[in-house]
Amino acid sequence: MMETHLGNFEEVILLITGILGEEAYAFKIADEVEIQTGRTTSIGAVHSTLNRLENKGFLTSQFGK
């Protein structure tokens, strides 16, 4: 069975990704996390979280131009 539990940071990243839509890429997500929560985060943490969310089936990714 696929894991569907979301941690707090995963939930924040998922919400921000939904808000940013087509503009959701790691640097912009990290900036928005700081704006919305006052927390700074590394690009690595954002990438790891995006990968977990994709593995859990909450989002899909694609390479841009």
Protein backbone atom coordinates (compact mmCIF):
# COMPACT_ATOMS: atom_id res chain seq x y z
CA MET A 1 0.00 0.00 0.00
CA MET A 2 1.27 3.48 -0.89
CA GLU A 3 2.04 5.75 2.04
CA THR A 4 -0.32 8.74 2.15
CA HIS A 5 0.70 10.40 5.41
CA LEU A 6 2.09 13.91 4.93
CA GLY A 7 4.55 15.54 7.29
CA ASN A 8 4.22 19.24 8.08
CA PHE A 9 6.96 20.29 5.66
CA GLU A 10 5.57 18.05 2.93
CA GLU A 11 2.18 19.67 3.37
CA VAL A 12 3.68 23.17 3.14
CA ILE A 13 5.60 22.25 -0.03
CA LEU A 14 2.51 20.65 -1.59
CA LEU A 15 0.37 23.70 -0.85
CA ILE A 16 2.96 26.13 -2.19
CA THR A 17 3.44 23.99 -5.30
CA GLY A 18 -0.31 24.14 -5.89
CA ILE A 19 -0.35 27.90 -5.45
CA LEU A 20 2.62 28.45 -7.79
CA GLY A 21 1.31 26.06 -10.45
CA GLU A 22 3.44 26.20 -13.59
CA GLU A 23 5.91 28.48 -11.79
CA ALA A 24 6.68 25.83 -9.14
CA TYR A 25 10.38 25.07 -9.30
CA ALA A 26 12.76 24.52 -6.39
CA PHE A 27 14.20 28.04 -6.03
CA LYS A 28 10.82 29.70 -6.26
CA ILE A 29 9.28 27.17 -3.83
CA ALA A 30 12.10 27.81 -1.32
CA ASP A 31 11.55 31.58 -1.60
CA GLU A 32 7.81 31.17 -1.09
CA VAL A 33 8.35 28.93 1.96
CA GLU A 34 10.35 31.75 3.54
CA ILE A 35 7.73 34.37 2.64
CA GLN A 36 4.79 32.31 3.89
CA THR A 37 6.33 30.70 6.99
CA GLY A 38 9.34 32.81 7.91
CA ARG A 39 11.50 29.65 7.69
CA THR A 40 14.50 29.40 5.42
CA THR A 41 15.01 26.11 3.65
CA SER A 42 17.66 24.62 1.42
CA ILE A 43 17.12 23.72 -2.20
CA GLY A 44 18.14 20.17 -1.30
CA ALA A 45 15.34 19.93 1.26
CA VAL A 46 12.85 21.17 -1.34
CA HIS A 47 14.08 18.65 -3.94
CA SER A 48 13.95 15.77 -1.44
CA THR A 49 10.44 16.71 -0.40
CA LEU A 50 9.26 17.06 -3.99
CA ASN A 51 10.68 13.58 -4.74
CA ARG A 52 8.85 12.10 -1.72
CA LEU A 53 5.60 13.77 -2.77
CA GLU A 54 6.00 12.41 -6.29
CA ASN A 55 6.72 8.91 -4.96
CA LYS A 56 3.59 9.13 -2.81
CA GLY A 57 1.55 10.10 -5.88
CA PHE A 58 0.69 13.65 -4.81
CA LEU A 59 2.34 15.37 -7.76
CA THR A 60 4.29 14.78 -10.95
CA SER A 61 7.32 16.57 -12.27
CA GLN A 62 8.71 17.41 -15.65
CA PHE A 63 11.81 19.03 -17.04
CA GLY A 64 11.33 22.52 -18.41
CA LYS A 65 13.08 24.29 -21.21
